[in-house]
Amino acid sequence: MEPRVLWLLAVVLALGFSSSAGEFVGLSASQCTVPAKDRVDCGYPKVTPEQCNNRGCCFDSSIPRVPWCFKPLQETECKF
């Protein structure tokens, strides 16, 4: 491959990884705003953020001694 093609491929891959970092697939940001005391465990010991997310759960390791992989809040639909 030409160096230009390799460079373009590297840029595209880097943008793809950076845009997906910190996002929850299929979940809104508000669904993962669960108070620490209300977290319901959804993982297992040493679960990675990716494994947790693949289970449809939220991952936040910023608070010690609470579940880091936890069930998201259920969004409620307003029906008027």
N, C-alpha and C. Protein backbone atom coordinates (compact mmCIF):
# COMPACT_ATOMS: atom_id res chain seq x y z
N MET A 1 0.83 -1.19 0.00
CA MET A 1 0.00 0.00 0.00
C MET A 1 0.88 1.25 0.00
N GLU A 2 0.33 2.28 -0.55
CA GLU A 2 1.03 3.55 -0.55
C GLU A 2 1.00 4.17 0.85
N PRO A 3 2.01 4.95 1.18
CA PRO A 3 2.03 5.59 2.50
C PRO A 3 0.80 6.47 2.75
N ARG A 4 0.32 7.13 1.70
CA ARG A 4 -0.86 7.98 1.85
C ARG A 4 -2.09 7.17 2.24
N VAL A 5 -2.24 5.99 1.66
CA VAL A 5 -3.37 5.12 1.96
C VAL A 5 -3.28 4.63 3.40
N LEU A 6 -2.09 4.24 3.83
CA LEU A 6 -1.90 3.79 5.21
C LEU A 6 -2.20 4.91 6.20
N TRP A 7 -1.77 6.13 5.88
CA TRP A 7 -2.02 7.27 6.76
C TRP A 7 -3.52 7.53 6.87
N LEU A 8 -4.22 7.50 5.73
CA LEU A 8 -5.66 7.72 5.74
C LEU A 8 -6.38 6.65 6.56
N LEU A 9 -5.96 5.41 6.38
CA LEU A 9 -6.55 4.31 7.15
C LEU A 9 -6.33 4.51 8.65
N ALA A 10 -5.14 4.93 9.03
CA ALA A 10 -4.84 5.17 10.44
C ALA A 10 -5.71 6.29 11.01
N VAL A 11 -5.92 7.35 10.24
CA VAL A 11 -6.74 8.47 10.69
C VAL A 11 -8.19 8.02 10.88
N VAL A 12 -8.71 7.28 9.91
CA VAL A 12 -10.09 6.81 9.99
C VAL A 12 -10.28 5.90 11.20
N LEU A 13 -9.35 4.98 11.44
CA LEU A 13 -9.45 4.09 12.59
C LEU A 13 -9.36 4.87 13.89
N ALA A 14 -8.47 5.83 13.97
CA ALA A 14 -8.33 6.63 15.19
C ALA A 14 -9.60 7.41 15.48
N LEU A 15 -10.20 7.99 14.47
CA LEU A 15 -11.44 8.73 14.66
C LEU A 15 -12.56 7.80 15.11
N GLY A 16 -12.61 6.63 14.55
CA GLY A 16 -13.64 5.66 14.94
C GLY A 16 -13.52 5.24 16.38
N PHE A 17 -12.31 4.98 16.84
CA PHE A 17 -12.10 4.58 18.23
C PHE A 17 -12.37 5.73 19.19
N SER A 18 -11.95 6.93 18.84
CA SER A 18 -12.13 8.05 19.76
C SER A 18 -13.59 8.44 19.87
N SER A 19 -14.36 8.29 18.81
CA SER A 19 -15.76 8.69 18.89
C SER A 19 -16.59 7.69 19.68
N SER A 20 -16.14 6.43 19.78
CA SER A 20 -16.91 5.43 20.52
C SER A 20 -16.47 5.32 21.97
N ALA A 21 -15.36 5.93 22.33
CA ALA A 21 -14.88 5.84 23.70
C ALA A 21 -15.82 6.54 24.66
N GLY A 22 -16.18 5.86 25.73
CA GLY A 22 -17.02 6.46 26.75
C GLY A 22 -18.50 6.46 26.44
N GLU A 23 -18.90 5.90 25.33
CA GLU A 23 -20.31 5.85 24.99
C GLU A 23 -20.88 4.49 25.38
N PHE A 24 -22.17 4.47 25.59
CA PHE A 24 -22.85 3.23 25.91
C PHE A 24 -23.72 2.87 24.72
N VAL A 25 -23.43 1.75 24.11
CA VAL A 25 -24.16 1.33 22.93
C VAL A 25 -25.61 1.07 23.29
N GLY A 26 -26.51 1.75 22.62
CA GLY A 26 -27.93 1.54 22.84
C GLY A 26 -28.48 2.20 24.09
N LEU A 27 -27.66 2.94 24.83
CA LEU A 27 -28.11 3.60 26.05
C LEU A 27 -27.92 5.10 25.93
N SER A 28 -28.82 5.85 26.50
CA SER A 28 -28.63 7.30 26.54
C SER A 28 -27.79 7.64 27.77
N ALA A 29 -27.17 8.79 27.74
CA ALA A 29 -26.33 9.21 28.87
C ALA A 29 -27.14 9.28 30.15
N SER A 30 -28.40 9.70 30.05
CA SER A 30 -29.23 9.83 31.25
C SER A 30 -29.54 8.48 31.89
N GLN A 31 -29.55 7.43 31.10
CA GLN A 31 -29.84 6.10 31.66
C GLN A 31 -28.72 5.61 32.57
N CYS A 32 -27.52 6.11 32.39
CA CYS A 32 -26.38 5.66 33.19
C CYS A 32 -26.06 6.62 34.34
N THR A 33 -26.92 7.59 34.56
CA THR A 33 -26.76 8.51 35.68
C THR A 33 -27.54 7.93 36.86
N VAL A 34 -26.97 6.88 37.43
CA VAL A 34 -27.62 6.18 38.53
C VAL A 34 -26.85 6.50 39.82
N PRO A 35 -27.52 7.00 40.84
CA PRO A 35 -26.83 7.26 42.11
C PRO A 35 -26.16 5.97 42.62
N ALA A 36 -25.00 6.12 43.23
CA ALA A 36 -24.23 4.96 43.69
C ALA A 36 -25.06 4.02 44.57
N LYS A 37 -25.88 4.58 45.45
CA LYS A 37 -26.66 3.75 46.38
C LYS A 37 -27.76 2.96 45.66
N ASP A 38 -28.12 3.38 44.45
CA ASP A 38 -29.20 2.72 43.71
C ASP A 38 -28.71 1.76 42.62
N ARG A 39 -27.41 1.60 42.50
CA ARG A 39 -26.87 0.74 41.44
C ARG A 39 -27.20 -0.73 41.71
N VAL A 40 -27.66 -1.40 40.66
CA VAL A 40 -27.94 -2.84 40.72
C VAL A 40 -26.87 -3.53 39.89
N ASP A 41 -26.10 -4.40 40.53
CA ASP A 41 -24.98 -5.07 39.89
C ASP A 41 -25.41 -5.81 38.63
N CYS A 42 -24.61 -5.67 37.59
CA CYS A 42 -24.91 -6.29 36.31
C CYS A 42 -23.69 -7.05 35.79
N GLY A 43 -22.62 -7.04 36.53
CA GLY A 43 -21.38 -7.65 36.04
C GLY A 43 -20.90 -8.78 36.91
N TYR A 44 -19.62 -8.96 36.88
CA TYR A 44 -18.95 -10.01 37.64
C TYR A 44 -17.55 -9.51 37.94
N PRO A 45 -16.82 -10.15 38.83
CA PRO A 45 -15.48 -9.66 39.18
C PRO A 45 -14.59 -9.50 37.94
N LYS A 46 -13.91 -8.38 37.87
CA LYS A 46 -12.96 -8.05 36.81
C LYS A 46 -13.60 -7.89 35.43
N VAL A 47 -14.89 -7.57 35.38
CA VAL A 47 -15.55 -7.30 34.10
C VAL A 47 -14.94 -6.02 33.51
N THR A 48 -14.72 -6.03 32.22
CA THR A 48 -14.17 -4.85 31.55
C THR A 48 -15.31 -3.92 31.12
N PRO A 49 -15.01 -2.66 30.86
CA PRO A 49 -16.06 -1.76 30.37
C PRO A 49 -16.75 -2.30 29.11
N GLU A 50 -15.97 -2.86 28.22
CA GLU A 50 -16.54 -3.40 26.98
C GLU A 50 -17.47 -4.58 27.25
N GLN A 51 -17.04 -5.50 28.12
CA GLN A 51 -17.88 -6.65 28.45
C GLN A 51 -19.16 -6.20 29.13
N CYS A 52 -19.05 -5.22 30.00
CA CYS A 52 -20.22 -4.68 30.70
C CYS A 52 -21.19 -4.07 29.69
N ASN A 53 -20.65 -3.25 28.80
CA ASN A 53 -21.47 -2.60 27.79
C ASN A 53 -22.14 -3.62 26.87
N ASN A 54 -21.43 -4.69 26.55
CA ASN A 54 -22.00 -5.74 25.70
C ASN A 54 -23.18 -6.44 26.37
N ARG A 55 -23.25 -6.36 27.68
CA ARG A 55 -24.38 -6.93 28.42
C ARG A 55 -25.56 -5.96 28.50
N GLY A 56 -25.38 -4.77 27.92
CA GLY A 56 -26.43 -3.76 27.96
C GLY A 56 -26.43 -2.96 29.25
N CYS A 57 -25.28 -2.94 29.92
CA CYS A 57 -25.18 -2.28 31.21
C CYS A 57 -24.24 -1.08 31.14
N CYS A 58 -24.27 -0.27 32.18
CA CYS A 58 -23.43 0.91 32.31
C CYS A 58 -22.17 0.56 33.09
N PHE A 59 -21.06 1.24 32.81
CA PHE A 59 -19.81 1.02 33.53
C PHE A 59 -19.28 2.36 34.01
N ASP A 60 -19.00 2.45 35.31
CA ASP A 60 -18.41 3.64 35.90
C ASP A 60 -17.59 3.21 37.10
N SER A 61 -16.27 3.30 36.96
CA SER A 61 -15.38 2.84 38.02
C SER A 61 -14.88 3.98 38.90
N SER A 62 -15.54 5.12 38.85
CA SER A 62 -15.06 6.29 39.59
C SER A 62 -15.44 6.28 41.06
N ILE A 63 -16.35 5.41 41.47
CA ILE A 63 -16.79 5.37 42.87
C ILE A 63 -16.41 4.01 43.46
N PRO A 64 -15.53 3.99 44.48
CA PRO A 64 -15.13 2.71 45.08
C PRO A 64 -16.26 2.08 45.90
N ARG A 65 -16.19 0.78 46.05
CA ARG A 65 -17.09 -0.01 46.90
C ARG A 65 -18.56 0.02 46.48
N VAL A 66 -18.82 0.25 45.21
CA VAL A 66 -20.17 0.10 44.65
C VAL A 66 -20.02 -0.63 43.33
N PRO A 67 -21.08 -1.24 42.81
CA PRO A 67 -20.96 -1.91 41.51
C PRO A 67 -20.50 -0.95 40.42
N TRP A 68 -19.49 -1.37 39.68
CA TRP A 68 -19.00 -0.57 38.56
C TRP A 68 -19.77 -0.88 37.28
N CYS A 69 -20.25 -2.10 37.18
CA CYS A 69 -21.07 -2.51 36.05
C CYS A 69 -22.49 -2.66 36.61
N PHE A 70 -23.39 -1.81 36.15
CA PHE A 70 -24.71 -1.76 36.77
C PHE A 70 -25.81 -1.57 35.73
N LYS A 71 -27.01 -1.96 36.14
CA LYS A 71 -28.16 -1.86 35.24
C LYS A 71 -28.52 -0.40 35.01
N PRO A 72 -28.85 -0.05 33.77
CA PRO A 72 -29.24 1.33 33.48
C PRO A 72 -30.65 1.63 33.96
N LEU A 73 -30.93 2.91 34.09
CA LEU A 73 -32.29 3.35 34.39
C LEU A 73 -33.14 3.05 33.17
N GLN A 74 -34.38 2.68 33.39
CA GLN A 74 -35.29 2.45 32.27
C GLN A 74 -35.90 3.80 31.88
N GLU A 75 -35.82 4.09 30.61
CA GLU A 75 -36.43 5.33 30.13
C GLU A 75 -37.93 5.16 30.08
N THR A 76 -38.60 6.16 30.54
CA THR A 76 -40.07 6.12 30.50
C THR A 76 -40.55 7.00 29.37
N GLU A 77 -41.53 6.52 28.67
CA GLU A 77 -42.09 7.28 27.56
C GLU A 77 -43.31 8.05 28.06
N CYS A 78 -43.38 9.28 27.70
CA CYS A 78 -44.55 10.08 28.03
C CYS A 78 -45.57 9.91 26.92
N LYS A 79 -46.73 9.47 27.28
CA LYS A 79 -47.78 9.28 26.28
C LYS A 79 -48.90 10.26 26.58
N PHE A 80 -49.02 11.23 25.75
CA PHE A 80 -50.07 12.24 25.92
C PHE A 80 -51.12 12.08 24.87
